[in-house]
Amino acid sequence: MTKKILPVTLLSFFLLLVTSCDVLLQTANTVMQSEQPLTTAEVAQGLKEALKVGTDTACVRIGKVNGYLLDQAIRINLPPQTSEVIKYAQKVPGLDKLIDDVIKQINHSAEDAAKQAAPIFKNAIAQMTIADAWGIFNGADTSATHYLREKTYDQLFNLYRPVMQNSLNKPIVGNVSAQKTWSELTGKWNSFANSVAGKLLQVHPVNVSLDEYVTHQALKGAFIKVGDQEKEIRTNVNARVTDLLKRVFRK
């Protein structure tokens, strides 16, 4: 009986020894790799990885209901050109309600569009060449986000605008679209501005492209949130959710 068990026992011991050696070698390699100085290529890739993770997280958060509307840092208000509209709103019947409605609708439209924003950002990040990786890496907590904005904003705007146009035309709030309410609001105001009373008050008609304005504002809010996520990755070890982030941003 003993003679039969012994070879099996020895084999088990040998397999355990080999496995343990493999684990030790892997651990040693990991430690050695982590102690190696970062290369420029690793830093550049790490910055892109941080932006990808940041945009994913940011787009999920701003894409939720009230993600824009109830966040004072990124809430989208009416264009500056409507300051007279707000000032004289009570002089035009129904204008107050239209103002409240359109603010809700444009913010909810931005939230709806944000659900499709992550792939647009990721594509821009993938194509981006980081010219000064070390400068960005050693810069401010949102340096990579700032660089992304500087290098890809026009591209992002052109890709994101059609998505925003579609959302603005959806009947998201009260079964009415933001674009429809905006057209009603500006129609009422412009009629007033061109009336005798409007001319006496020297107010001006409003001619603003809603989708252009909201796209700019929505991207502005998105970059704020991506910057928040970059800062979190730089300062909080728990936010480094990939091996590359852990290596590049280790302290």
C-alpha atoms as a PDB file:
ATOM      1  CA  MET A   1       0.000   0.000   0.000  1.00  0.00           C
ATOM      2  CA  THR A   2       2.814   2.380   0.975  1.00  0.00           C
ATOM      3  CA  LYS A   3       4.717   1.716  -2.225  1.00  0.00           C
ATOM      4  CA  LYS A   4       1.701   2.783  -4.306  1.00  0.00           C
ATOM      5  CA  ILE A   5       1.029   5.950  -2.335  1.00  0.00           C
ATOM      6  CA  LEU A   6       4.631   7.185  -2.227  1.00  0.00           C
ATOM      7  CA  PRO A   7       5.034   7.969  -5.966  1.00  0.00           C
ATOM      8  CA  VAL A   8       1.740   9.830  -5.942  1.00  0.00           C
ATOM      9  CA  THR A   9       2.826  11.809  -2.912  1.00  0.00           C
ATOM     10  CA  LEU A  10       6.161  12.650  -4.489  1.00  0.00           C
ATOM     11  CA  LEU A  11       4.429  13.695  -7.698  1.00  0.00           C
ATOM     12  CA  SER A  12       2.044  15.944  -5.789  1.00  0.00           C
ATOM     13  CA  PHE A  13       4.952  17.484  -3.912  1.00  0.00           C
ATOM     14  CA  PHE A  14       6.834  18.051  -7.171  1.00  0.00           C
ATOM     15  CA  LEU A  15       3.808  19.727  -8.806  1.00  0.00           C
ATOM     16  CA  LEU A  16       3.309  21.917  -5.737  1.00  0.00           C
ATOM     17  CA  LEU A  17       6.976  22.909  -5.843  1.00  0.00           C
ATOM     18  CA  VAL A  18       6.824  23.785  -9.544  1.00  0.00           C
ATOM     19  CA  THR A  19       3.639  25.784  -9.067  1.00  0.00           C
ATOM     20  CA  SER A  20       5.130  27.648  -6.129  1.00  0.00           C
ATOM     21  CA  CYS A  21       8.216  28.457  -8.159  1.00  0.00           C
ATOM     22  CA  ASP A  22       6.086  29.803 -10.981  1.00  0.00           C
ATOM     23  CA  VAL A  23       4.165  32.014  -8.556  1.00  0.00           C
ATOM     24  CA  LEU A  24       7.398  33.264  -7.014  1.00  0.00           C
ATOM     25  CA  LEU A  25       8.871  33.997 -10.441  1.00  0.00           C
ATOM     26  CA  GLN A  26       5.748  35.871 -11.508  1.00  0.00           C
ATOM     27  CA  THR A  27       5.789  37.866  -8.284  1.00  0.00           C
ATOM     28  CA  ALA A  28       9.470  38.632  -8.721  1.00  0.00           C
ATOM     29  CA  ASN A  29       8.928  39.730 -12.311  1.00  0.00           C
ATOM     30  CA  THR A  30       6.051  41.959 -11.251  1.00  0.00           C
ATOM     31  CA  VAL A  31       8.150  43.546  -8.517  1.00  0.00           C
ATOM     32  CA  MET A  32      11.101  44.013 -10.845  1.00  0.00           C
ATOM     33  CA  GLN A  33       8.882  45.539 -13.516  1.00  0.00           C
ATOM     34  CA  SER A  34       7.277  47.918 -11.038  1.00  0.00           C
ATOM     35  CA  GLU A  35      10.718  49.060  -9.900  1.00  0.00           C
ATOM     36  CA  GLN A  36      11.879  49.785 -13.438  1.00  0.00           C
ATOM     37  CA  PRO A  37      11.859  53.492 -14.418  1.00  0.00           C
ATOM     38  CA  LEU A  38       8.862  54.591 -16.463  1.00  0.00           C
ATOM     39  CA  THR A  39       9.428  55.056 -20.160  1.00  0.00           C
ATOM     40  CA  THR A  40       8.011  57.917 -22.197  1.00  0.00           C
ATOM     41  CA  ALA A  41       5.811  55.448 -24.065  1.00  0.00           C
ATOM     42  CA  GLU A  42       4.392  54.100 -20.795  1.00  0.00           C
ATOM     43  CA  VAL A  43       3.670  57.592 -19.515  1.00  0.00           C
ATOM     44  CA  ALA A  44       1.887  58.553 -22.741  1.00  0.00           C
ATOM     45  CA  GLN A  45      -0.144  55.344 -22.699  1.00  0.00           C
ATOM     46  CA  GLY A  46      -0.914  55.823 -19.008  1.00  0.00           C
ATOM     47  CA  LEU A  47      -2.226  59.310 -19.636  1.00  0.00           C
ATOM     48  CA  LYS A  48      -4.475  58.000 -22.406  1.00  0.00           C
ATOM     49  CA  GLU A  49      -5.658  55.219 -20.122  1.00  0.00           C
ATOM     50  CA  ALA A  50      -6.508  57.754 -17.424  1.00  0.00           C
ATOM     51  CA  LEU A  51      -8.511  59.793 -19.934  1.00  0.00           C
ATOM     52  CA  LYS A  52     -10.359  56.711 -21.184  1.00  0.00           C
ATOM     53  CA  VAL A  53     -11.294  55.657 -17.655  1.00  0.00           C
ATOM     54  CA  GLY A  54     -12.157  59.261 -16.810  1.00  0.00           C
ATOM     55  CA  THR A  55     -14.455  59.742 -19.790  1.00  0.00           C
ATOM     56  CA  ASP A  56     -16.208  56.424 -19.160  1.00  0.00           C
ATOM     57  CA  THR A  57     -16.927  57.362 -15.558  1.00  0.00           C
ATOM     58  CA  ALA A  58     -17.830  60.957 -16.355  1.00  0.00           C
ATOM     59  CA  CYS A  59     -20.223  60.050 -19.184  1.00  0.00           C
ATOM     60  CA  VAL A  60     -22.045  57.539 -16.987  1.00  0.00           C
ATOM     61  CA  ARG A  61     -22.500  60.134 -14.253  1.00  0.00           C
ATOM     62  CA  ILE A  62     -23.636  63.037 -16.426  1.00  0.00           C
ATOM     63  CA  GLY A  63     -25.795  60.686 -18.478  1.00  0.00           C
ATOM     64  CA  LYS A  64     -28.038  59.945 -15.502  1.00  0.00           C
ATOM     65  CA  VAL A  65     -31.296  61.806 -14.932  1.00  0.00           C
ATOM     66  CA  ASN A  66     -30.455  65.251 -13.510  1.00  0.00           C
ATOM     67  CA  GLY A  67     -26.764  64.629 -14.184  1.00  0.00           C
ATOM     68  CA  TYR A  68     -26.557  68.107 -15.667  1.00  0.00           C
ATOM     69  CA  LEU A  69     -29.665  69.768 -14.276  1.00  0.00           C
ATOM     70  CA  LEU A  70     -28.895  69.374 -10.563  1.00  0.00           C
ATOM     71  CA  ASP A  71     -25.120  69.800 -10.787  1.00  0.00           C
ATOM     72  CA  GLN A  72     -24.389  73.504 -10.396  1.00  0.00           C
ATOM     73  CA  ALA A  73     -20.881  73.061 -11.808  1.00  0.00           C
ATOM     74  CA  ILE A  74     -22.176  71.936 -15.209  1.00  0.00           C
ATOM     75  CA  ARG A  75     -25.883  72.914 -15.323  1.00  0.00           C
ATOM     76  CA  ILE A  76     -26.728  74.457 -18.693  1.00  0.00           C
ATOM     77  CA  ASN A  77     -28.538  77.783 -18.445  1.00  0.00           C
ATOM     78  CA  LEU A  78     -30.005  79.887 -21.224  1.00  0.00           C
ATOM     79  CA  PRO A  79     -27.577  81.597 -23.621  1.00  0.00           C
ATOM     80  CA  PRO A  80     -26.248  85.032 -22.566  1.00  0.00           C
ATOM     81  CA  GLN A  81     -28.185  86.542 -25.475  1.00  0.00           C
ATOM     82  CA  THR A  82     -31.397  85.821 -23.563  1.00  0.00           C
ATOM     83  CA  SER A  83     -30.624  88.147 -20.657  1.00  0.00           C
ATOM     84  CA  GLU A  84     -33.281  90.581 -21.887  1.00  0.00           C
ATOM     85  CA  VAL A  85     -35.764  87.737 -22.258  1.00  0.00           C
ATOM     86  CA  ILE A  86     -35.348  86.869 -18.584  1.00  0.00           C
ATOM     87  CA  LYS A  87     -35.447  90.514 -17.511  1.00  0.00           C
ATOM     88  CA  TYR A  88     -38.719  91.278 -19.299  1.00  0.00           C
ATOM     89  CA  ALA A  89     -40.268  87.785 -19.099  1.00  0.00           C
ATOM     90  CA  GLN A  90     -43.275  88.979 -17.097  1.00  0.00           C
ATOM     91  CA  LYS A  91     -44.216  91.433 -19.835  1.00  0.00           C
ATOM     92  CA  VAL A  92     -44.866  88.576 -22.276  1.00  0.00           C
ATOM     93  CA  PRO A  93     -47.659  86.156 -21.232  1.00  0.00           C
ATOM     94  CA  GLY A  94     -46.458  82.580 -20.769  1.00  0.00           C
ATOM     95  CA  LEU A  95     -42.776  83.413 -21.146  1.00  0.00           C
ATOM     96  CA  ASP A  96     -41.844  82.535 -17.533  1.00  0.00           C
ATOM     97  CA  LYS A  97     -43.075  78.959 -17.918  1.00  0.00           C
ATOM     98  CA  LEU A  98     -41.348  78.544 -21.271  1.00  0.00           C
ATOM     99  CA  ILE A  99     -38.071  79.655 -19.714  1.00  0.00           C
ATOM    100  CA  ASP A 100     -38.359  77.076 -16.919  1.00  0.00           C
ATOM    101  CA  ASP A 101     -39.397  74.366 -19.364  1.00  0.00           C
ATOM    102  CA  VAL A 102     -36.598  74.938 -21.836  1.00  0.00           C
ATOM    103  CA  ILE A 103     -33.911  74.943 -19.114  1.00  0.00           C
ATOM    104  CA  LYS A 104     -35.110  71.534 -17.924  1.00  0.00           C
ATOM    105  CA  GLN A 105     -35.376  70.243 -21.469  1.00  0.00           C
ATOM    106  CA  ILE A 106     -31.925  71.302 -22.645  1.00  0.00           C
ATOM    107  CA  ASN A 107     -30.306  69.788 -19.555  1.00  0.00           C
ATOM    108  CA  HIS A 108     -32.180  66.516 -19.922  1.00  0.00           C
ATOM    109  CA  SER A 109     -31.276  66.509 -23.621  1.00  0.00           C
ATOM    110  CA  ALA A 110     -27.622  66.898 -22.687  1.00  0.00           C
ATOM    111  CA  GLU A 111     -27.985  63.981 -20.269  1.00  0.00           C
ATOM    112  CA  ASP A 112     -29.547  61.888 -23.022  1.00  0.00           C
ATOM    113  CA  ALA A 113     -26.739  62.726 -25.443  1.00  0.00           C
ATOM    114  CA  ALA A 114     -24.069  61.949 -22.826  1.00  0.00           C
ATOM    115  CA  LYS A 115     -25.034  58.274 -22.986  1.00  0.00           C
ATOM    116  CA  GLN A 116     -23.467  58.196 -26.448  1.00  0.00           C
ATOM    117  CA  ALA A 117     -20.485  60.421 -25.680  1.00  0.00           C
ATOM    118  CA  ALA A 118     -17.966  57.890 -24.332  1.00  0.00           C
ATOM    119  CA  PRO A 119     -17.145  56.214 -27.685  1.00  0.00           C
ATOM    120  CA  ILE A 120     -16.684  59.646 -29.290  1.00  0.00           C
ATOM    121  CA  PHE A 121     -14.216  60.641 -26.572  1.00  0.00           C
ATOM    122  CA  LYS A 122     -12.428  57.284 -26.718  1.00  0.00           C
ATOM    123  CA  ASN A 123     -11.902  57.547 -30.457  1.00  0.00           C
ATOM    124  CA  ALA A 124     -10.432  61.036 -30.073  1.00  0.00           C
ATOM    125  CA  ILE A 125      -8.152  59.837 -27.262  1.00  0.00           C
ATOM    126  CA  ALA A 126      -6.954  56.844 -29.288  1.00  0.00           C
ATOM    127  CA  GLN A 127      -5.998  59.079 -32.214  1.00  0.00           C
ATOM    128  CA  MET A 128      -4.334  61.719 -30.068  1.00  0.00           C
ATOM    129  CA  THR A 129      -0.554  62.002 -30.139  1.00  0.00           C
ATOM    130  CA  ILE A 130       0.861  63.156 -26.816  1.00  0.00           C
ATOM    131  CA  ALA A 131       3.817  65.346 -27.693  1.00  0.00           C
ATOM    132  CA  ASP A 132       4.968  66.215 -24.165  1.00  0.00           C
ATOM    133  CA  ALA A 133       4.047  63.185 -22.071  1.00  0.00           C
ATOM    134  CA  TRP A 134       6.370  63.989 -19.170  1.00  0.00           C
ATOM    135  CA  GLY A 135       5.296  67.631 -19.071  1.00  0.00           C
ATOM    136  CA  ILE A 136       1.641  66.602 -18.845  1.00  0.00           C
ATOM    137  CA  PHE A 137       2.382  63.814 -16.380  1.00  0.00           C
ATOM    138  CA  ASN A 138       4.241  66.172 -14.048  1.00  0.00           C
ATOM    139  CA  GLY A 139       1.815  69.042 -14.569  1.00  0.00           C
ATOM    140  CA  ALA A 140      -1.386  70.018 -12.769  1.00  0.00           C
ATOM    141  CA  ASP A 141      -3.935  67.420 -11.655  1.00  0.00           C
ATOM    142  CA  THR A 142      -6.023  68.019 -14.800  1.00  0.00           C
ATOM    143  CA  SER A 143      -3.198  68.525 -17.307  1.00  0.00           C
ATOM    144  CA  ALA A 144      -4.158  65.526 -19.464  1.00  0.00           C
ATOM    145  CA  THR A 145      -7.779  66.677 -19.648  1.00  0.00           C
ATOM    146  CA  HIS A 146      -6.641  70.161 -20.639  1.00  0.00           C
ATOM    147  CA  TYR A 147      -4.406  68.672 -23.330  1.00  0.00           C
ATOM    148  CA  LEU A 148      -7.276  66.531 -24.639  1.00  0.00           C
ATOM    149  CA  ARG A 149      -9.501  69.588 -24.892  1.00  0.00           C
ATOM    150  CA  GLU A 150      -6.835  71.629 -26.660  1.00  0.00           C
ATOM    151  CA  LYS A 151      -6.052  68.935 -29.217  1.00  0.00           C
ATOM    152  CA  THR A 152      -9.448  67.378 -29.951  1.00  0.00           C
ATOM    153  CA  TYR A 153     -12.174  69.933 -29.174  1.00  0.00           C
ATOM    154  CA  ASP A 154     -13.147  70.733 -32.777  1.00  0.00           C
ATOM    155  CA  GLN A 155     -13.214  67.047 -33.661  1.00  0.00           C
ATOM    156  CA  LEU A 156     -15.352  66.240 -30.608  1.00  0.00           C
ATOM    157  CA  PHE A 157     -17.717  69.118 -31.311  1.00  0.00           C
ATOM    158  CA  ASN A 158     -18.309  68.065 -34.923  1.00  0.00           C
ATOM    159  CA  LEU A 159     -18.965  64.457 -33.911  1.00  0.00           C
ATOM    160  CA  TYR A 160     -21.084  65.314 -30.872  1.00  0.00           C
ATOM    161  CA  ARG A 161     -23.279  67.999 -32.434  1.00  0.00           C
ATOM    162  CA  PRO A 162     -25.462  65.577 -34.461  1.00  0.00           C
ATOM    163  CA  VAL A 163     -25.976  63.487 -31.330  1.00  0.00           C
ATOM    164  CA  MET A 164     -27.067  66.618 -29.460  1.00  0.00           C
ATOM    165  CA  GLN A 165     -29.375  67.694 -32.294  1.00  0.00           C
ATOM    166  CA  ASN A 166     -31.112  64.345 -32.072  1.00  0.00           C
ATOM    167  CA  SER A 167     -31.546  64.624 -28.299  1.00  0.00           C
ATOM    168  CA  LEU A 168     -32.836  68.204 -28.510  1.00  0.00           C
ATOM    169  CA  ASN A 169     -35.512  67.013 -30.915  1.00  0.00           C
ATOM    170  CA  LYS A 170     -36.683  64.199 -28.638  1.00  0.00           C
ATOM    171  CA  PRO A 171     -39.849  64.864 -26.590  1.00  0.00           C
ATOM    172  CA  ILE A 172     -37.986  64.162 -23.343  1.00  0.00           C
ATOM    173  CA  VAL A 173     -39.842  66.450 -20.908  1.00  0.00           C
ATOM    174  CA  GLY A 174     -43.629  66.737 -20.885  1.00  0.00           C
ATOM    175  CA  ASN A 175     -43.775  65.013 -24.275  1.00  0.00           C
ATOM    176  CA  VAL A 176     -42.276  68.155 -25.816  1.00  0.00           C
ATOM    177  CA  SER A 177     -38.763  68.570 -27.222  1.00  0.00           C
ATOM    178  CA  ALA A 178     -36.321  71.249 -26.132  1.00  0.00           C
ATOM    179  CA  GLN A 179     -36.097  72.476 -29.722  1.00  0.00           C
ATOM    180  CA  LYS A 180     -39.862  72.958 -29.944  1.00  0.00           C
ATOM    181  CA  THR A 181     -40.017  74.869 -26.662  1.00  0.00           C
ATOM    182  CA  TRP A 182     -37.018  76.980 -27.679  1.00  0.00           C
ATOM    183  CA  SER A 183     -38.686  77.871 -30.970  1.00  0.00           C
ATOM    184  CA  GLU A 184     -41.859  78.853 -29.113  1.00  0.00           C
ATOM    185  CA  LEU A 185     -39.886  80.884 -26.575  1.00  0.00           C
ATOM    186  CA  THR A 186     -37.844  82.792 -29.138  1.00  0.00           C
ATOM    187  CA  GLY A 187     -40.899  83.218 -31.361  1.00  0.00           C
ATOM    188  CA  LYS A 188     -42.860  84.904 -28.568  1.00  0.00           C
ATOM    189  CA  TRP A 189     -39.897  87.026 -27.567  1.00  0.00           C
ATOM    190  CA  ASN A 190     -38.970  88.118 -31.065  1.00  0.00           C
ATOM    191  CA  SER A 191     -42.567  89.152 -31.735  1.00  0.00           C
ATOM    192  CA  PHE A 192     -42.421  91.277 -28.591  1.00  0.00           C
ATOM    193  CA  ALA A 193     -38.983  92.675 -29.463  1.00  0.00           C
ATOM    194  CA  ASN A 194     -40.259  93.791 -32.863  1.00  0.00           C
ATOM    195  CA  SER A 195     -43.441  95.331 -31.432  1.00  0.00           C
ATOM    196  CA  VAL A 196     -43.906  98.976 -30.520  1.00  0.00           C
ATOM    197  CA  ALA A 197     -43.454  98.149 -26.824  1.00  0.00           C
ATOM    198  CA  GLY A 198     -40.289  96.201 -27.551  1.00  0.00           C
ATOM    199  CA  LYS A 199     -38.818  99.006 -29.601  1.00  0.00           C
ATOM    200  CA  LEU A 200     -39.628 101.525 -26.885  1.00  0.00           C
ATOM    201  CA  LEU A 201     -37.762  99.298 -24.417  1.00  0.00           C
ATOM    202  CA  GLN A 202     -34.970  98.908 -26.985  1.00  0.00           C
ATOM    203  CA  VAL A 203     -34.812  95.141 -26.598  1.00  0.00           C
ATOM    204  CA  HIS A 204     -33.342  92.880 -29.229  1.00  0.00           C
ATOM    205  CA  PRO A 205     -34.532  89.714 -30.996  1.00  0.00           C
ATOM    206  CA  VAL A 206     -32.781  86.454 -30.115  1.00  0.00           C
ATOM    207  CA  ASN A 207     -31.145  84.485 -32.900  1.00  0.00           C
ATOM    208  CA  VAL A 208     -29.178  81.621 -31.378  1.00  0.00           C
ATOM    209  CA  SER A 209     -28.567  78.131 -32.743  1.00  0.00           C
ATOM    210  CA  LEU A 210     -29.743  76.008 -29.820  1.00  0.00           C
ATOM    211  CA  ASP A 211     -27.900  72.832 -30.817  1.00  0.00           C
ATOM    212  CA  GLU A 212     -24.624  74.704 -31.290  1.00  0.00           C
ATOM    213  CA  TYR A 213     -24.930  76.430 -27.934  1.00  0.00           C
ATOM    214  CA  VAL A 214     -25.965  73.314 -25.997  1.00  0.00           C
ATOM    215  CA  THR A 215     -23.246  71.194 -27.617  1.00  0.00           C
ATOM    216  CA  HIS A 216     -20.586  73.667 -26.480  1.00  0.00           C
ATOM    217  CA  GLN A 217     -22.026  73.798 -22.971  1.00  0.00           C
ATOM    218  CA  ALA A 218     -22.442  70.032 -22.734  1.00  0.00           C
ATOM    219  CA  LEU A 219     -18.822  69.468 -23.777  1.00  0.00           C
ATOM    220  CA  LYS A 220     -17.684  72.087 -21.285  1.00  0.00           C
ATOM    221  CA  GLY A 221     -19.471  70.167 -18.527  1.00  0.00           C
ATOM    222  CA  ALA A 222     -18.097  66.852 -19.732  1.00  0.00           C
ATOM    223  CA  PHE A 223     -14.521  68.147 -19.624  1.00  0.00           C
ATOM    224  CA  ILE A 224     -15.061  69.418 -16.088  1.00  0.00           C
ATOM    225  CA  LYS A 225     -16.113  65.940 -15.007  1.00  0.00           C
ATOM    226  CA  VAL A 226     -13.306  64.210 -16.921  1.00  0.00           C
ATOM    227  CA  GLY A 227     -10.890  66.545 -15.162  1.00  0.00           C
ATOM    228  CA  ASP A 228     -12.389  65.541 -11.816  1.00  0.00           C
ATOM    229  CA  GLN A 229     -11.791  61.893 -12.677  1.00  0.00           C
ATOM    230  CA  GLU A 230      -8.201  62.536 -13.778  1.00  0.00           C
ATOM    231  CA  LYS A 231      -7.526  64.255 -10.468  1.00  0.00           C
ATOM    232  CA  GLU A 232      -9.051  61.296  -8.641  1.00  0.00           C
ATOM    233  CA  ILE A 233      -6.782  58.847 -10.491  1.00  0.00           C
ATOM    234  CA  ARG A 234      -3.721  60.932  -9.702  1.00  0.00           C
ATOM    235  CA  THR A 235      -4.511  61.273  -6.002  1.00  0.00           C
ATOM    236  CA  ASN A 236      -6.500  58.175  -5.038  1.00  0.00           C
ATOM    237  CA  VAL A 237      -4.926  54.735  -5.434  1.00  0.00           C
ATOM    238  CA  ASN A 238      -8.371  53.087  -5.426  1.00  0.00           C
ATOM    239  CA  ALA A 239      -9.291  54.972  -8.604  1.00  0.00           C
ATOM    240  CA  ARG A 240      -6.456  53.293 -10.535  1.00  0.00           C
ATOM    241  CA  VAL A 241      -8.494  50.411 -11.851  1.00  0.00           C
ATOM    242  CA  THR A 242      -5.984  48.959 -14.347  1.00  0.00           C
ATOM    243  CA  ASP A 243      -2.431  47.642 -13.971  1.00  0.00           C
ATOM    244  CA  LEU A 244      -1.137  50.380 -16.259  1.00  0.00           C
ATOM    245  CA  LEU A 245      -2.700  53.114 -14.135  1.00  0.00           C
ATOM    246  CA  LYS A 246      -1.283  51.540 -10.984  1.00  0.00           C
ATOM    247  CA  ARG A 247       2.217  51.485 -12.484  1.00  0.00           C
ATOM    248  CA  VAL A 248       2.215  54.918 -14.088  1.00  0.00           C
ATOM    249  CA  PHE A 249       0.555  56.831 -11.258  1.00  0.00           C
ATOM    250  CA  ARG A 250       2.153  55.044  -8.338  1.00  0.00           C
ATOM    251  CA  LYS A 251       3.548  57.384  -5.699  1.00  0.00           C
END
